Structure formats: structure tokens, C-alpha cells
Protein backbone atom coordinates (compact mmCIF):
# COMPACT_ATOMS: atom_id res chain seq x y z
CA MET A 1 1.26 -11.69 5.85
CA THR A 2 -1.66 -13.13 3.95
CA GLY A 3 -4.92 -11.95 2.54
CA TYR A 4 -5.21 -8.28 3.43
CA ARG A 5 -7.51 -6.29 1.20
CA HIS A 6 -8.18 -2.65 1.89
CA PRO A 7 -11.37 -1.04 0.53
CA PHE A 8 -10.88 2.12 -1.48
CA PRO A 9 -14.14 3.85 -2.48
CA LEU A 10 -13.58 6.33 -5.26
CA ARG A 11 -14.67 9.92 -4.79
CA TRP A 12 -16.08 12.30 -7.37
CA ASN A 13 -12.83 14.27 -7.49
CA ASP A 14 -10.78 11.10 -8.18
CA ASN A 15 -11.94 11.23 -11.80
CA ASP A 16 -9.81 13.23 -14.18
CA GLN A 17 -10.96 15.19 -17.22
CA TYR A 18 -11.13 11.96 -19.22
CA GLY A 19 -13.71 10.48 -16.85
CA HIS A 20 -11.56 7.85 -15.18
CA MET A 21 -9.49 7.56 -12.02
CA ASN A 22 -6.49 9.85 -12.19
CA ASN A 23 -3.10 8.11 -12.14
CA THR A 24 -2.07 9.79 -8.87
CA VAL A 25 -5.07 8.23 -7.11
CA TYR A 26 -3.67 4.74 -7.73
CA TYR A 27 -0.62 5.74 -5.66
CA GLU A 28 -2.86 7.23 -2.99
CA ALA A 29 -4.81 3.96 -2.78
CA MET A 30 -1.63 1.89 -2.42
CA ASP A 31 -0.07 4.19 0.18
CA THR A 32 -3.29 4.32 2.20
CA ALA A 33 -3.69 0.53 2.16
CA VAL A 34 -0.13 -0.19 3.29
CA ASN A 35 -0.11 2.41 6.05
CA THR A 36 -3.56 1.39 7.30
CA TRP A 37 -2.37 -2.21 7.53
CA MET A 38 0.80 -1.23 9.41
CA ILE A 39 -1.16 0.92 11.88
CA ARG A 40 -4.09 -1.45 12.49
CA HIS A 41 -2.41 -4.84 12.21
CA ALA A 42 1.30 -4.36 12.85
CA GLY A 43 1.49 -1.77 15.59
CA LEU A 44 3.03 1.15 13.70
CA GLU A 45 2.93 4.20 15.93
CA VAL A 46 2.59 7.20 13.61
CA SER A 47 3.93 9.51 16.32
CA GLY A 48 6.53 7.00 17.55
CA PRO A 49 10.32 7.15 17.31
CA VAL A 50 10.47 5.06 14.09
CA ILE A 51 8.70 5.95 10.86
CA GLY A 52 8.50 4.41 7.41
CA VAL A 53 9.47 6.70 4.55
CA ALA A 54 8.93 6.03 0.87
CA ARG A 55 12.10 5.16 -0.99
CA ALA A 56 10.58 4.00 -4.27
CA SER A 57 7.24 3.29 -5.87
CA SER A 58 5.98 2.05 -9.19
CA CYS A 59 2.65 1.39 -10.84
CA GLU A 60 1.63 -0.40 -14.01
CA PHE A 61 -1.79 0.76 -15.16
CA LEU A 62 -3.79 -2.09 -16.70
CA ALA A 63 -7.42 -0.93 -16.80
CA SER A 64 -9.43 2.10 -15.76
CA ALA A 65 -11.98 2.69 -13.05
CA SER A 66 -14.17 5.67 -12.20
CA PHE A 67 -16.42 7.10 -9.54
CA PRO A 68 -18.62 5.71 -7.96
CA GLU A 69 -16.79 2.35 -7.96
CA VAL A 70 -15.42 0.84 -4.77
CA LEU A 71 -12.02 -0.73 -5.32
CA GLU A 72 -9.82 -2.90 -3.13
CA VAL A 73 -6.07 -2.89 -2.70
CA ASP A 74 -4.58 -6.33 -2.20
CA VAL A 75 -1.46 -5.99 -0.03
CA ALA A 76 1.37 -8.54 0.04
CA VAL A 77 5.09 -8.41 0.74
CA ALA A 78 7.53 -8.72 -2.15
CA ARG A 79 10.67 -8.38 -0.03
CA LEU A 80 11.42 -8.06 3.67
CA GLY A 81 14.86 -6.60 4.27
CA GLY A 82 16.75 -5.54 7.36
CA THR A 83 15.59 -1.91 7.27
CA SER A 84 12.97 -1.95 4.52
CA ILE A 85 9.88 -3.63 3.14
CA THR A 86 8.88 -3.70 -0.51
CA TRP A 87 5.15 -4.17 -0.84
CA ASP A 88 3.52 -6.03 -3.73
CA LEU A 89 0.18 -4.37 -4.48
CA ALA A 90 -2.76 -4.94 -6.78
CA ILE A 91 -5.74 -2.65 -7.24
CA LEU A 92 -8.87 -4.67 -7.91
CA ARG A 93 -12.56 -4.20 -8.41
CA ARG A 94 -14.45 -4.97 -5.20
CA GLY A 95 -14.93 -8.69 -4.74
CA ALA A 96 -12.45 -9.82 -7.40
CA PRO A 97 -11.56 -13.44 -6.63
CA ASP A 98 -7.85 -12.99 -7.37
CA ARG A 99 -5.28 -10.63 -8.88
CA SER A 100 -5.78 -11.79 -12.48
CA GLY A 101 -8.14 -8.91 -13.26
CA ALA A 102 -6.05 -6.23 -11.57
CA LEU A 103 -6.65 -2.65 -12.67
CA ALA A 104 -3.10 -1.83 -11.61
CA ARG A 105 -0.05 -3.58 -10.16
CA GLY A 106 2.43 -1.71 -8.06
CA THR A 107 5.25 -1.72 -5.59
CA PHE A 108 6.04 0.58 -2.71
CA THR A 109 9.25 0.42 -0.69
CA HIS A 110 9.33 1.74 2.86
CA VAL A 111 12.64 2.30 4.61
CA PHE A 112 12.32 2.55 8.37
CA VAL A 113 14.20 5.45 9.94
CA GLY A 114 14.50 7.22 13.24
CA ARG A 115 12.02 10.09 13.41
CA GLU A 116 14.65 12.56 14.64
CA ASP A 117 17.78 11.71 12.64
CA ARG A 118 16.20 10.04 9.58
CA ARG A 119 18.86 7.30 9.67
CA PRO A 120 17.84 3.73 8.75
CA VAL A 121 16.88 1.42 11.60
CA PRO A 122 15.76 -2.23 11.60
CA VAL A 123 12.16 -2.94 10.62
CA PRO A 124 10.32 -2.65 13.96
CA GLU A 125 9.76 -6.08 15.50
CA PRO A 126 5.93 -5.82 15.64
CA ILE A 127 5.87 -5.05 11.92
CA ARG A 128 8.40 -7.77 11.08
CA SER A 129 6.38 -10.30 13.09
CA ALA A 130 3.10 -9.31 11.44
CA VAL A 131 4.68 -9.54 7.97
CA THR A 132 6.14 -12.99 8.58
CA GLU A 133 3.00 -14.44 10.20
CA ARG A 134 1.59 -17.36 8.30
């Protein structure tokens, strides 16, 4: 998987009382970017028999942003396992040439499970193929 950036326009209510993007919104941006990519580019069926559930997430806050900025989430894969994917994420100002000026760096681990029994299953083949495409 290479070069996916997801736009994330900030909303008025994304600002906290200090006038900058609230820390929870960084997680929302990362989660939205990853899931949008899986649905649009890797064939994830949100009502299908296999779903991705969050196992872990982290975020290192490096700089602030505020409404009305439009940000981008740069999505890459840190680790592809048998039943999970750990995403490597960077939140950037729109048009940033690379990750060096990231506002935040984060990770998000999805474990794929059966919708009904919530037991781990292999990463679905369409997602695995899309992740490993060069």
C-alpha cells in the first residue's frame, strides 16, 4: 500500500476550549482514514461476515491545528500479521510534501474477527492484497 492520504476537514466543534483540535479528534481522523481506505480500496464489507475491531491505538501529539483547517491523514502499514494489521498514521496539514511536519503520529491495530462469534480470522484476502500491492 502506497501513498494514500485521506482529507479531514476540521469542523467548528472539533476545537476544544483552548481553541485547538481536541485530542479525541486526532483518533477520529485516523480511524476514519483507515476505514475509508479499507472500504473504498480494499473491499471491506461493513455488513459482511468479517469485521475489523480495534485492539490498540496510540497517538503522539506534535503540533496543534484548529478549525477551519483541512488536514490529511497519511495511511501506511506498519505490520501485516495473520489476523491483524497495524497502521502507521501521520496527520498533516493539507498539501504537506512529506511526514516531517506531522501534527501527530499514530498507530491503530485492527484485528479481524467473525461478526457473529468475534473470534480472530485471517486478514481478508482483498484487504491483504490491497495492503501488499506495490
